[in-house]
Amino acid sequence: MLSMTFRFTTECELTLEGNSYEEIYLQFKDFQHGVPGVQERGVLKAYPPETDQIFFQLDNNGSLQEIPYFKGSFQEDIAERCQAKALQAEPASVPLITLPKQVTDRIPDVYW
């Protein structure tokens, strides 16, 4: 399975609930210290990047590449900054299935 990790500066909003404001504050303190599970207990909203500086890496390879000005084009933002081989996906080894004609007749052409 392929993955891409993006790192950027953004504004976030975390809403936590608790039995007291002190308890909520302590949950946030745990979040700040990287205690796992806090973000799952709250509602986390992330907003678009605050700056144009964005980094990415492929498949957690440990090498961050910078996208200095996000253009919204995969070719300009990603492909031109990677070795071509790094972007070649391994073919998935998913067995092909055969659907009965009764099923395929009901699937709109747009999906084929």
PDB file of N, CA and C in Angstrom:
ATOM      1  N   MET A   1       0.849  -1.180   0.000  1.00  0.00           N
ATOM      2  CA  MET A   1       0.000   0.000   0.000  1.00  0.00           C
ATOM      3  C   MET A   1       0.889   1.235   0.000  1.00  0.00           C
ATOM      4  N   LEU A   2       0.605   2.158  -0.874  1.00  0.00           N
ATOM      5  CA  LEU A   2       1.361   3.404  -0.970  1.00  0.00           C
ATOM      6  C   LEU A   2       0.888   4.391   0.091  1.00  0.00           C
ATOM      7  N   SER A   3       1.775   5.308   0.468  1.00  0.00           N
ATOM      8  CA  SER A   3       1.369   6.367   1.399  1.00  0.00           C
ATOM      9  C   SER A   3       2.162   7.628   1.106  1.00  0.00           C
ATOM     10  N   MET A   4       1.567   8.756   1.413  1.00  0.00           N
ATOM     11  CA  MET A   4       2.252  10.045   1.347  1.00  0.00           C
ATOM     12  C   MET A   4       1.962  10.757   2.659  1.00  0.00           C
ATOM     13  N   THR A   5       2.985  11.369   3.226  1.00  0.00           N
ATOM     14  CA  THR A   5       2.840  12.131   4.452  1.00  0.00           C
ATOM     15  C   THR A   5       3.104  13.591   4.113  1.00  0.00           C
ATOM     16  N   PHE A   6       2.208  14.472   4.537  1.00  0.00           N
ATOM     17  CA  PHE A   6       2.377  15.903   4.306  1.00  0.00           C
ATOM     18  C   PHE A   6       2.614  16.587   5.642  1.00  0.00           C
ATOM     19  N   ARG A   7       3.543  17.528   5.661  1.00  0.00           N
ATOM     20  CA  ARG A   7       3.819  18.308   6.867  1.00  0.00           C
ATOM     21  C   ARG A   7       3.680  19.780   6.507  1.00  0.00           C
ATOM     22  N   PHE A   8       2.870  20.498   7.282  1.00  0.00           N
ATOM     23  CA  PHE A   8       2.650  21.911   7.010  1.00  0.00           C
ATOM     24  C   PHE A   8       2.201  22.603   8.284  1.00  0.00           C
ATOM     25  N   THR A   9       2.288  23.922   8.263  1.00  0.00           N
ATOM     26  CA  THR A   9       1.841  24.723   9.395  1.00  0.00           C
ATOM     27  C   THR A   9       0.385  25.080   9.171  1.00  0.00           C
ATOM     28  N   THR A  10      -0.436  24.816  10.153  1.00  0.00           N
ATOM     29  CA  THR A  10      -1.861  25.080  10.020  1.00  0.00           C
ATOM     30  C   THR A  10      -2.437  25.509  11.353  1.00  0.00           C
ATOM     31  N   GLU A  11      -3.631  26.023  11.290  1.00  0.00           N
ATOM     32  CA  GLU A  11      -4.358  26.330  12.517  1.00  0.00           C
ATOM     33  C   GLU A  11      -5.250  25.140  12.814  1.00  0.00           C
ATOM     34  N   CYS A  12      -5.224  24.697  14.057  1.00  0.00           N
ATOM     35  CA  CYS A  12      -6.058  23.576  14.481  1.00  0.00           C
ATOM     36  C   CYS A  12      -6.952  24.027  15.624  1.00  0.00           C
ATOM     37  N   GLU A  13      -8.029  23.308  15.767  1.00  0.00           N
ATOM     38  CA  GLU A  13      -8.946  23.576  16.869  1.00  0.00           C
ATOM     39  C   GLU A  13      -9.295  22.229  17.482  1.00  0.00           C
ATOM     40  N   LEU A  14      -9.075  22.080  18.763  1.00  0.00           N
ATOM     41  CA  LEU A  14      -9.347  20.829  19.465  1.00  0.00           C
ATOM     42  C   LEU A  14     -10.377  21.100  20.544  1.00  0.00           C
ATOM     43  N   THR A  15     -11.516  20.434  20.470  1.00  0.00           N
ATOM     44  CA  THR A  15     -12.559  20.567  21.479  1.00  0.00           C
ATOM     45  C   THR A  15     -12.568  19.300  22.321  1.00  0.00           C
ATOM     46  N   LEU A  16     -12.369  19.459  23.613  1.00  0.00           N
ATOM     47  CA  LEU A  16     -12.359  18.340  24.549  1.00  0.00           C
ATOM     48  C   LEU A  16     -13.514  18.496  25.537  1.00  0.00           C
ATOM     49  N   GLU A  17     -13.964  17.382  26.077  1.00  0.00           N
ATOM     50  CA  GLU A  17     -15.029  17.407  27.071  1.00  0.00           C
ATOM     51  C   GLU A  17     -14.542  16.726  28.337  1.00  0.00           C
ATOM     52  N   GLY A  18     -15.093  17.131  29.460  1.00  0.00           N
ATOM     53  CA  GLY A  18     -14.727  16.523  30.732  1.00  0.00           C
ATOM     54  C   GLY A  18     -15.695  16.931  31.821  1.00  0.00           C
ATOM     55  N   ASN A  19     -15.447  16.427  33.024  1.00  0.00           N
ATOM     56  CA  ASN A  19     -16.307  16.728  34.171  1.00  0.00           C
ATOM     57  C   ASN A  19     -15.984  18.073  34.799  1.00  0.00           C
ATOM     58  N   SER A  20     -14.820  18.626  34.487  1.00  0.00           N
ATOM     59  CA  SER A  20     -14.450  19.941  35.006  1.00  0.00           C
ATOM     60  C   SER A  20     -13.506  20.592  33.995  1.00  0.00           C
ATOM     61  N   TYR A  21     -13.406  21.915  34.090  1.00  0.00           N
ATOM     62  CA  TYR A  21     -12.489  22.624  33.198  1.00  0.00           C
ATOM     63  C   TYR A  21     -11.037  22.238  33.479  1.00  0.00           C
ATOM     64  N   GLU A  22     -10.752  21.924  34.732  1.00  0.00           N
ATOM     65  CA  GLU A  22      -9.390  21.501  35.067  1.00  0.00           C
ATOM     66  C   GLU A  22      -9.073  20.167  34.389  1.00  0.00           C
ATOM     67  N   GLU A  23     -10.045  19.244  34.414  1.00  0.00           N
ATOM     68  CA  GLU A  23      -9.850  17.948  33.754  1.00  0.00           C
ATOM     69  C   GLU A  23      -9.602  18.144  32.255  1.00  0.00           C
ATOM     70  N   ILE A  24     -10.375  19.044  31.637  1.00  0.00           N
ATOM     71  CA  ILE A  24     -10.201  19.317  30.212  1.00  0.00           C
ATOM     72  C   ILE A  24      -8.823  19.912  29.963  1.00  0.00           C
ATOM     73  N   TYR A  25      -8.406  20.829  30.822  1.00  0.00           N
ATOM     74  CA  TYR A  25      -7.077  21.430  30.690  1.00  0.00           C
ATOM     75  C   TYR A  25      -5.986  20.365  30.778  1.00  0.00           C
ATOM     76  N   LEU A  26      -6.133  19.425  31.715  1.00  0.00           N
ATOM     77  CA  LEU A  26      -5.135  18.368  31.873  1.00  0.00           C
ATOM     78  C   LEU A  26      -5.117  17.440  30.658  1.00  0.00           C
ATOM     79  N   GLN A  27      -6.280  17.211  30.043  1.00  0.00           N
ATOM     80  CA  GLN A  27      -6.312  16.429  28.809  1.00  0.00           C
ATOM     81  C   GLN A  27      -5.519  17.140  27.713  1.00  0.00           C
ATOM     82  N   PHE A  28      -5.706  18.467  27.614  1.00  0.00           N
ATOM     83  CA  PHE A  28      -4.976  19.230  26.608  1.00  0.00           C
ATOM     84  C   PHE A  28      -3.476  19.200  26.895  1.00  0.00           C
ATOM     85  N   LYS A  29      -3.122  19.266  28.172  1.00  0.00           N
ATOM     86  CA  LYS A  29      -1.711  19.186  28.556  1.00  0.00           C
ATOM     87  C   LYS A  29      -1.129  17.846  28.106  1.00  0.00           C
ATOM     88  N   ASP A  30      -1.883  16.764  28.311  1.00  0.00           N
ATOM     89  CA  ASP A  30      -1.446  15.442  27.844  1.00  0.00           C
ATOM     90  C   ASP A  30      -1.265  15.440  26.328  1.00  0.00           C
ATOM     91  N   PHE A  31      -2.192  16.056  25.618  1.00  0.00           N
ATOM     92  CA  PHE A  31      -2.104  16.150  24.161  1.00  0.00           C
ATOM     93  C   PHE A  31      -0.821  16.866  23.753  1.00  0.00           C
ATOM     94  N   GLN A  32      -0.503  17.965  24.425  1.00  0.00           N
ATOM     95  CA  GLN A  32       0.706  18.738  24.133  1.00  0.00           C
ATOM     96  C   GLN A  32       1.972  17.906  24.349  1.00  0.00           C
ATOM     97  N   HIS A  33       1.915  16.962  25.277  1.00  0.00           N
ATOM     98  CA  HIS A  33       3.064  16.113  25.582  1.00  0.00           C
ATOM     99  C   HIS A  33       3.054  14.815  24.783  1.00  0.00           C
ATOM    100  N   GLY A  34       2.112  14.690  23.841  1.00  0.00           N
ATOM    101  CA  GLY A  34       2.100  13.534  22.953  1.00  0.00           C
ATOM    102  C   GLY A  34       1.522  12.270  23.541  1.00  0.00           C
ATOM    103  N   VAL A  35       0.736  12.391  24.608  1.00  0.00           N
ATOM    104  CA  VAL A  35       0.100  11.204  25.193  1.00  0.00           C
ATOM    105  C   VAL A  35      -0.899  10.655  24.176  1.00  0.00           C
ATOM    106  N   PRO A  36      -0.750   9.380  23.800  1.00  0.00           N
ATOM    107  CA  PRO A  36      -1.642   8.825  22.774  1.00  0.00           C
ATOM    108  C   PRO A  36      -3.090   8.763  23.249  1.00  0.00           C
ATOM    109  N   GLY A  37      -4.003   8.928  22.298  1.00  0.00           N
ATOM    110  CA  GLY A  37      -5.422   8.752  22.586  1.00  0.00           C
ATOM    111  C   GLY A  37      -6.190  10.027  22.874  1.00  0.00           C
ATOM    112  N   VAL A  38      -5.511  11.113  23.215  1.00  0.00           N
ATOM    113  CA  VAL A  38      -6.235  12.336  23.564  1.00  0.00           C
ATOM    114  C   VAL A  38      -6.992  12.867  22.357  1.00  0.00           C
ATOM    115  N   GLN A  39      -6.347  12.897  21.193  1.00  0.00           N
ATOM    116  CA  GLN A  39      -7.020  13.451  20.020  1.00  0.00           C
ATOM    117  C   GLN A  39      -8.235  12.633  19.606  1.00  0.00           C
ATOM    118  N   GLU A  40      -8.251  11.339  19.938  1.00  0.00           N
ATOM    119  CA  GLU A  40      -9.422  10.519  19.615  1.00  0.00           C
ATOM    120  C   GLU A  40     -10.603  10.845  20.521  1.00  0.00           C
ATOM    121  N   ARG A  41     -10.326  11.382  21.706  1.00  0.00           N
ATOM    122  CA  ARG A  41     -11.412  11.722  22.633  1.00  0.00           C
ATOM    123  C   ARG A  41     -12.042  13.068  22.294  1.00  0.00           C
ATOM    124  N   GLY A  42     -11.371  13.867  21.531  1.00  0.00           N
ATOM    125  CA  GLY A  42     -11.877  15.199  21.219  1.00  0.00           C
ATOM    126  C   GLY A  42     -12.268  15.331  19.766  1.00  0.00           C
ATOM    127  N   VAL A  43     -12.732  16.523  19.448  1.00  0.00           N
ATOM    128  CA  VAL A  43     -13.062  16.860  18.067  1.00  0.00           C
ATOM    129  C   VAL A  43     -11.936  17.751  17.572  1.00  0.00           C
ATOM    130  N   LEU A  44     -11.204  17.261  16.573  1.00  0.00           N
ATOM    131  CA  LEU A  44     -10.053  17.980  16.047  1.00  0.00           C
ATOM    132  C   LEU A  44     -10.382  18.489  14.654  1.00  0.00           C
ATOM    133  N   LYS A  45     -10.243  19.789  14.463  1.00  0.00           N
ATOM    134  CA  LYS A  45     -10.448  20.401  13.156  1.00  0.00           C
ATOM    135  C   LYS A  45      -9.118  20.972  12.702  1.00  0.00           C
ATOM    136  N   ALA A  46      -8.727  20.652  11.489  1.00  0.00           N
ATOM    137  CA  ALA A  46      -7.505  21.209  10.908  1.00  0.00           C
ATOM    138  C   ALA A  46      -7.918  22.092   9.739  1.00  0.00           C
ATOM    139  N   TYR A  47      -7.306  23.237   9.653  1.00  0.00           N
ATOM    140  CA  TYR A  47      -7.633  24.208   8.611  1.00  0.00           C
ATOM    141  C   TYR A  47      -6.534  24.212   7.558  1.00  0.00           C
ATOM    142  N   PRO A  48      -6.786  24.772   6.383  1.00  0.00           N
ATOM    143  CA  PRO A  48      -5.760  24.772   5.323  1.00  0.00           C
ATOM    144  C   PRO A  48      -4.455  25.411   5.800  1.00  0.00           C
ATOM    145  N   PRO A  49      -3.338  25.079   5.138  1.00  0.00           N
ATOM    146  CA  PRO A  49      -2.031  25.594   5.554  1.00  0.00           C
ATOM    147  C   PRO A  49      -2.013  27.115   5.672  1.00  0.00           C
ATOM    148  N   GLU A  50      -1.299  27.601   6.693  1.00  0.00           N
ATOM    149  CA  GLU A  50      -1.179  29.042   6.907  1.00  0.00           C
ATOM    150  C   GLU A  50      -0.125  29.660   6.000  1.00  0.00           C
ATOM    151  N   THR A  51       0.843  28.860   5.569  1.00  0.00           N
ATOM    152  CA  THR A  51       1.897  29.366   4.698  1.00  0.00           C
ATOM    153  C   THR A  51       1.949  28.501   3.445  1.00  0.00           C
ATOM    154  N   ASP A  52       2.696  28.957   2.464  1.00  0.00           N
ATOM    155  CA  ASP A  52       2.851  28.190   1.226  1.00  0.00           C
ATOM    156  C   ASP A  52       3.841  27.055   1.370  1.00  0.00           C
ATOM    157  N   GLN A  53       4.566  26.993   2.472  1.00  0.00           N
ATOM    158  CA  GLN A  53       5.599  25.980   2.633  1.00  0.00           C
ATOM    159  C   GLN A  53       4.978  24.661   3.095  1.00  0.00           C
ATOM    160  N   ILE A  54       5.106  23.639   2.252  1.00  0.00           N
ATOM    161  CA  ILE A  54       4.565  22.311   2.528  1.00  0.00           C
ATOM    162  C   ILE A  54       5.652  21.298   2.202  1.00  0.00           C
ATOM    163  N   PHE A  55       5.756  20.261   3.012  1.00  0.00           N
ATOM    164  CA  PHE A  55       6.711  19.177   2.779  1.00  0.00           C
ATOM    165  C   PHE A  55       5.934  17.880   2.594  1.00  0.00           C
ATOM    166  N   PHE A  56       6.539  16.918   1.884  1.00  0.00           N
ATOM    167  CA  PHE A  56       5.931  15.600   1.740  1.00  0.00           C
ATOM    168  C   PHE A  56       7.015  14.545   1.709  1.00  0.00           C
ATOM    169  N   GLN A  57       6.622  13.324   2.055  1.00  0.00           N
ATOM    170  CA  GLN A  57       7.512  12.174   1.895  1.00  0.00           C
ATOM    171  C   GLN A  57       6.677  11.005   1.409  1.00  0.00           C
ATOM    172  N   LEU A  58       7.325  10.106   0.697  1.00  0.00           N
ATOM    173  CA  LEU A  58       6.656   8.933   0.153  1.00  0.00           C
ATOM    174  C   LEU A  58       6.935   7.725   1.031  1.00  0.00           C
ATOM    175  N   ASP A  59       5.900   7.003   1.363  1.00  0.00           N
ATOM    176  CA  ASP A  59       6.016   5.725   2.069  1.00  0.00           C
ATOM    177  C   ASP A  59       6.927   5.776   3.290  1.00  0.00           C
ATOM    178  N   ASN A  60       6.863   6.849   4.042  1.00  0.00           N
ATOM    179  CA  ASN A  60       7.660   6.992   5.269  1.00  0.00           C
ATOM    180  C   ASN A  60       9.133   6.703   5.040  1.00  0.00           C
ATOM    181  N   ASN A  61       9.682   7.171   3.908  1.00  0.00           N
ATOM    182  CA  ASN A  61      11.086   6.887   3.605  1.00  0.00           C
ATOM    183  C   ASN A  61      12.056   7.787   4.372  1.00  0.00           C
ATOM    184  N   GLY A  62      11.537   8.732   5.141  1.00  0.00           N
ATOM    185  CA  GLY A  62      12.389   9.568   5.967  1.00  0.00           C
ATOM    186  C   GLY A  62      12.967  10.769   5.252  1.00  0.00           C
ATOM    187  N   SER A  63      12.661  10.953   3.985  1.00  0.00           N
ATOM    188  CA  SER A  63      13.199  12.055   3.202  1.00  0.00           C
ATOM    189  C   SER A  63      12.078  13.022   2.847  1.00  0.00           C
ATOM    190  N   LEU A  64      12.065  14.183   3.500  1.00  0.00           N
ATOM    191  CA  LEU A  64      11.050  15.189   3.208  1.00  0.00           C
ATOM    192  C   LEU A  64      11.472  16.029   2.013  1.00  0.00           C
ATOM    193  N   GLN A  65      10.557  16.239   1.105  1.00  0.00           N
ATOM    194  CA  GLN A  65      10.757  17.106  -0.055  1.00  0.00           C
ATOM    195  C   GLN A  65       9.873  18.331   0.130  1.00  0.00           C
ATOM    196  N   GLU A  66      10.360  19.500  -0.244  1.00  0.00           N
ATOM    197  CA  GLU A  66       9.568  20.713  -0.079  1.00  0.00           C
ATOM    198  C   GLU A  66       8.775  21.028  -1.340  1.00  0.00           C
ATOM    199  N   ILE A  67       7.528  21.446  -1.145  1.00  0.00           N
ATOM    200  CA  ILE A  67       6.714  22.037  -2.207  1.00  0.00           C
ATOM    201  C   ILE A  67       6.682  23.526  -1.861  1.00  0.00           C
ATOM    202  N   PRO A  68       7.546  24.340  -2.465  1.00  0.00           N
ATOM    203  CA  PRO A  68       7.651  25.733  -2.026  1.00  0.00           C
ATOM    204  C   PRO A  68       6.376  26.547  -2.214  1.00  0.00           C
ATOM    205  N   TYR A  69       5.668  26.360  -3.299  1.00  0.00           N
ATOM    206  CA  TYR A  69       4.401  27.052  -3.529  1.00  0.00           C
ATOM    207  C   TYR A  69       3.428  26.033  -4.087  1.00  0.00           C
ATOM    208  N   PHE A  70       2.464  25.629  -3.291  1.00  0.00           N
ATOM    209  CA  PHE A  70       1.500  24.609  -3.684  1.00  0.00           C
ATOM    210  C   PHE A  70       0.724  25.084  -4.909  1.00  0.00           C
ATOM    211  N   LYS A  71       0.785  24.302  -5.990  1.00  0.00           N
ATOM    212  CA  LYS A  71       0.165  24.691  -7.239  1.00  0.00           C
ATOM    213  C   LYS A  71      -1.127  23.934  -7.529  1.00  0.00           C
ATOM    214  N   GLY A  72      -1.373  22.847  -6.811  1.00  0.00           N
ATOM    215  CA  GLY A  72      -2.554  22.048  -7.085  1.00  0.00           C
ATOM    216  C   GLY A  72      -2.383  21.123  -8.274  1.00  0.00           C
ATOM    217  N   SER A  73      -1.145  20.895  -8.688  1.00  0.00           N
ATOM    218  CA  SER A  73      -0.845  20.020  -9.814  1.00  0.00           C
ATOM    219  C   SER A  73       0.081  18.914  -9.326  1.00  0.00           C
ATOM    220  N   PHE A  74      -0.360  17.661  -9.436  1.00  0.00           N
ATOM    221  CA  PHE A  74       0.471  16.545  -9.004  1.00  0.00           C
ATOM    222  C   PHE A  74       1.818  16.576  -9.716  1.00  0.00           C
ATOM    223  N   GLN A  75       1.799  16.852 -11.018  1.00  0.00           N
ATOM    224  CA  GLN A  75       3.046  16.864 -11.790  1.00  0.00           C
ATOM    225  C   GLN A  75       4.022  17.906 -11.244  1.00  0.00           C
ATOM    226  N   GLU A  76       3.542  19.144 -11.015  1.00  0.00           N
ATOM    227  CA  GLU A  76       4.429  20.210 -10.553  1.00  0.00           C
ATOM    228  C   GLU A  76       4.784  20.080  -9.068  1.00  0.00           C
ATOM    229  N   ASP A  77       3.817  19.679  -8.250  1.00  0.00           N
ATOM    230  CA  ASP A  77       4.053  19.631  -6.810  1.00  0.00           C
ATOM    231  C   ASP A  77       4.807  18.383  -6.355  1.00  0.00           C
ATOM    232  N   ILE A  78       4.530  17.249  -6.970  1.00  0.00           N
ATOM    233  CA  ILE A  78       5.094  15.974  -6.500  1.00  0.00           C
ATOM    234  C   ILE A  78       6.071  15.369  -7.506  1.00  0.00           C
ATOM    235  N   ALA A  79       5.598  15.063  -8.704  1.00  0.00           N
ATOM    236  CA  ALA A  79       6.395  14.290  -9.669  1.00  0.00           C
ATOM    237  C   ALA A  79       7.720  14.951 -10.007  1.00  0.00           C
ATOM    238  N   GLU A  80       7.735  16.263 -10.169  1.00  0.00           N
ATOM    239  CA  GLU A  80       8.978  16.943 -10.537  1.00  0.00           C
ATOM    240  C   GLU A  80       9.990  16.960  -9.386  1.00  0.00           C
ATOM    241  N   ARG A  81       9.572  16.624  -8.183  1.00  0.00           N
ATOM    242  CA  ARG A  81      10.472  16.634  -7.031  1.00  0.00           C
ATOM    243  C   ARG A  81      10.912  15.223  -6.612  1.00  0.00           C
ATOM    244  N   CYS A  82      10.457  14.216  -7.330  1.00  0.00           N
ATOM    245  CA  CYS A  82      10.772  12.821  -6.990  1.00  0.00           C
ATOM    246  C   CYS A  82      11.492  12.155  -8.144  1.00  0.00           C
ATOM    247  N   GLN A  83      12.218  11.121  -7.803  1.00  0.00           N
ATOM    248  CA  GLN A  83      12.766  10.269  -8.855  1.00  0.00           C
ATOM    249  C   GLN A  83      11.590   9.512  -9.461  1.00  0.00           C
ATOM    250  N   ALA A  84      11.591   9.371 -10.751  1.00  0.00           N
ATOM    251  CA  ALA A  84      10.470   8.720 -11.430  1.00  0.00           C
ATOM    252  C   ALA A  84      10.196   7.337 -10.849  1.00  0.00           C
ATOM    253  N   LYS A  85      11.248   6.613 -10.505  1.00  0.00           N
ATOM    254  CA  LYS A  85      11.065   5.262  -9.973  1.00  0.00           C
ATOM    255  C   LYS A  85      10.289   5.279  -8.658  1.00  0.00           C
ATOM    256  N   ALA A  86      10.487   6.321  -7.849  1.00  0.00           N
ATOM    257  CA  ALA A  86       9.809   6.396  -6.558  1.00  0.00           C
ATOM    258  C   ALA A  86       8.305   6.492  -6.705  1.00  0.00           C
ATOM    259  N   LEU A  87       7.832   6.995  -7.840  1.00  0.00           N
ATOM    260  CA  LEU A  87       6.399   7.176  -8.049  1.00  0.00           C
ATOM    261  C   LEU A  87       5.735   5.997  -8.734  1.00  0.00           C
ATOM    262  N   GLN A  88       6.512   5.016  -9.144  1.00  0.00           N
ATOM    263  CA  GLN A  88       5.920   3.868  -9.804  1.00  0.00           C
ATOM    264  C   GLN A  88       5.320   2.940  -8.767  1.00  0.00           C
ATOM    265  N   ALA A  89       4.031   2.781  -8.852  1.00  0.00           N
ATOM    266  CA  ALA A  89       3.330   1.919  -7.902  1.00  0.00           C
ATOM    267  C   ALA A  89       3.499   0.457  -8.296  1.00  0.00           C
ATOM    268  N   GLU A  90       3.659  -0.361  -7.301  1.00  0.00           N
ATOM    269  CA  GLU A  90       3.696  -1.800  -7.541  1.00  0.00           C
ATOM    270  C   GLU A  90       2.288  -2.250  -7.894  1.00  0.00           C
ATOM    271  N   PRO A  91       2.134  -3.087  -8.885  1.00  0.00           N
ATOM    272  CA  PRO A  91       0.785  -3.554  -9.219  1.00  0.00           C
ATOM    273  C   PRO A  91       0.166  -4.302  -8.044  1.00  0.00           C
ATOM    274  N   ALA A  92      -1.082  -4.021  -7.803  1.00  0.00           N
ATOM    275  CA  ALA A  92      -1.785  -4.688  -6.707  1.00  0.00           C
ATOM    276  C   ALA A  92      -2.041  -6.137  -7.095  1.00  0.00           C
ATOM    277  N   SER A  93      -1.900  -6.999  -6.142  1.00  0.00           N
ATOM    278  CA  SER A  93      -2.148  -8.420  -6.403  1.00  0.00           C
ATOM    279  C   SER A  93      -3.543  -8.784  -5.921  1.00  0.00           C
ATOM    280  N   VAL A  94      -4.526  -8.115  -6.525  1.00  0.00           N
ATOM    281  CA  VAL A  94      -5.922  -8.376  -6.184  1.00  0.00           C
ATOM    282  C   VAL A  94      -6.496  -9.285  -7.258  1.00  0.00           C
ATOM    283  N   PRO A  95      -7.031 -10.408  -6.861  1.00  0.00           N
ATOM    284  CA  PRO A  95      -7.587 -11.298  -7.875  1.00  0.00           C
ATOM    285  C   PRO A  95      -8.790 -10.647  -8.546  1.00  0.00           C
ATOM    286  N   LEU A  96      -8.876 -10.821  -9.856  1.00  0.00           N
ATOM    287  CA  LEU A  96     -10.016 -10.285 -10.593  1.00  0.00           C
ATOM    288  C   LEU A  96     -11.240 -11.149 -10.329  1.00  0.00           C
ATOM    289  N   ILE A  97     -12.376 -10.474 -10.214  1.00  0.00           N
ATOM    290  CA  ILE A  97     -13.607 -11.223 -10.006  1.00  0.00           C
ATOM    291  C   ILE A  97     -14.474 -11.051 -11.245  1.00  0.00           C
ATOM    292  N   THR A  98     -15.314 -12.004 -11.470  1.00  0.00           N
ATOM    293  CA  THR A  98     -16.238 -11.945 -12.590  1.00  0.00           C
ATOM    294  C   THR A  98     -17.630 -11.747 -12.024  1.00  0.00           C
ATOM    295  N   LEU A  99     -18.273 -10.677 -12.498  1.00  0.00           N
ATOM    296  CA  LEU A  99     -19.622 -10.385 -12.037  1.00  0.00           C
ATOM    297  C   LEU A  99     -20.630 -10.946 -13.020  1.00  0.00           C
ATOM    298  N   PRO A 100     -21.738 -11.432 -12.508  1.00  0.00           N
ATOM    299  CA  PRO A 100     -22.777 -11.917 -13.414  1.00  0.00           C
ATOM    300  C   PRO A 100     -23.340 -10.768 -14.254  1.00  0.00           C
ATOM    301  N   LYS A 101     -23.831 -11.079 -15.438  1.00  0.00           N
ATOM    302  CA  LYS A 101     -24.391 -10.076 -16.347  1.00  0.00           C
ATOM    303  C   LYS A 101     -25.531  -9.323 -15.675  1.00  0.00           C
ATOM    304  N   GLN A 102     -26.301  -9.979 -14.813  1.00  0.00           N
ATOM    305  CA  GLN A 102     -27.407  -9.317 -14.118  1.00  0.00           C
ATOM    306  C   GLN A 102     -26.885  -8.152 -13.260  1.00  0.00           C
ATOM    307  N   VAL A 103     -25.691  -8.307 -12.732  1.00  0.00           N
ATOM    308  CA  VAL A 103     -25.097  -7.252 -11.908  1.00  0.00           C
ATOM    309  C   VAL A 103     -24.496  -6.171 -12.783  1.00  0.00           C
ATOM    310  N   THR A 104     -23.699  -6.557 -13.773  1.00  0.00           N
ATOM    311  CA  THR A 104     -23.025  -5.562 -14.612  1.00  0.00           C
ATOM    312  C   THR A 104     -24.016  -4.704 -15.395  1.00  0.00           C
ATOM    313  N   ASP A 105     -25.183  -5.242 -15.730  1.00  0.00           N
ATOM    314  CA  ASP A 105     -26.202  -4.472 -16.447  1.00  0.00           C
ATOM    315  C   ASP A 105     -26.738  -3.318 -15.597  1.00  0.00           C
ATOM    316  N   ARG A 106     -26.625  -3.415 -14.282  1.00  0.00           N
ATOM    317  CA  ARG A 106     -27.150  -2.397 -13.375  1.00  0.00           C
ATOM    318  C   ARG A 106     -26.102  -1.354 -12.988  1.00  0.00           C
ATOM    319  N   ILE A 107     -24.855  -1.567 -13.374  1.00  0.00           N
ATOM    320  CA  ILE A 107     -23.783  -0.614 -13.033  1.00  0.00           C
ATOM    321  C   ILE A 107     -23.676   0.401 -14.165  1.00  0.00           C
ATOM    322  N   PRO A 108     -23.799   1.702 -13.836  1.00  0.00           N
ATOM    323  CA  PRO A 108     -23.734   2.722 -14.898  1.00  0.00           C
ATOM    324  C   PRO A 108     -22.395   2.665 -15.657  1.00  0.00           C
ATOM    325  N   ASP A 109     -22.442   3.034 -16.925  1.00  0.00           N
ATOM    326  CA  ASP A 109     -21.268   3.006 -17.792  1.00  0.00           C
ATOM    327  C   ASP A 109     -20.113   3.843 -17.250  1.00  0.00           C
ATOM    328  N   VAL A 110     -20.421   4.882 -16.491  1.00  0.00           N
ATOM    329  CA  VAL A 110     -19.376   5.761 -15.988  1.00  0.00           C
ATOM    330  C   VAL A 110     -18.349   5.006 -15.127  1.00  0.00           C
ATOM    331  N   TYR A 111     -18.734   3.890 -14.532  1.00  0.00           N
ATOM    332  CA  TYR A 111     -17.831   3.124 -13.679  1.00  0.00           C
ATOM    333  C   TYR A 111     -16.952   2.154 -14.470  1.00  0.00           C
ATOM    334  N   TRP A 112     -17.198   1.988 -15.752  1.00  0.00           N
ATOM    335  CA  TRP A 112     -16.424   1.054 -16.557  1.00  0.00           C
ATOM    336  C   TRP A 112     -15.403   1.810 -17.292  1.00  0.00           C
TER     337      TRP A 112
END
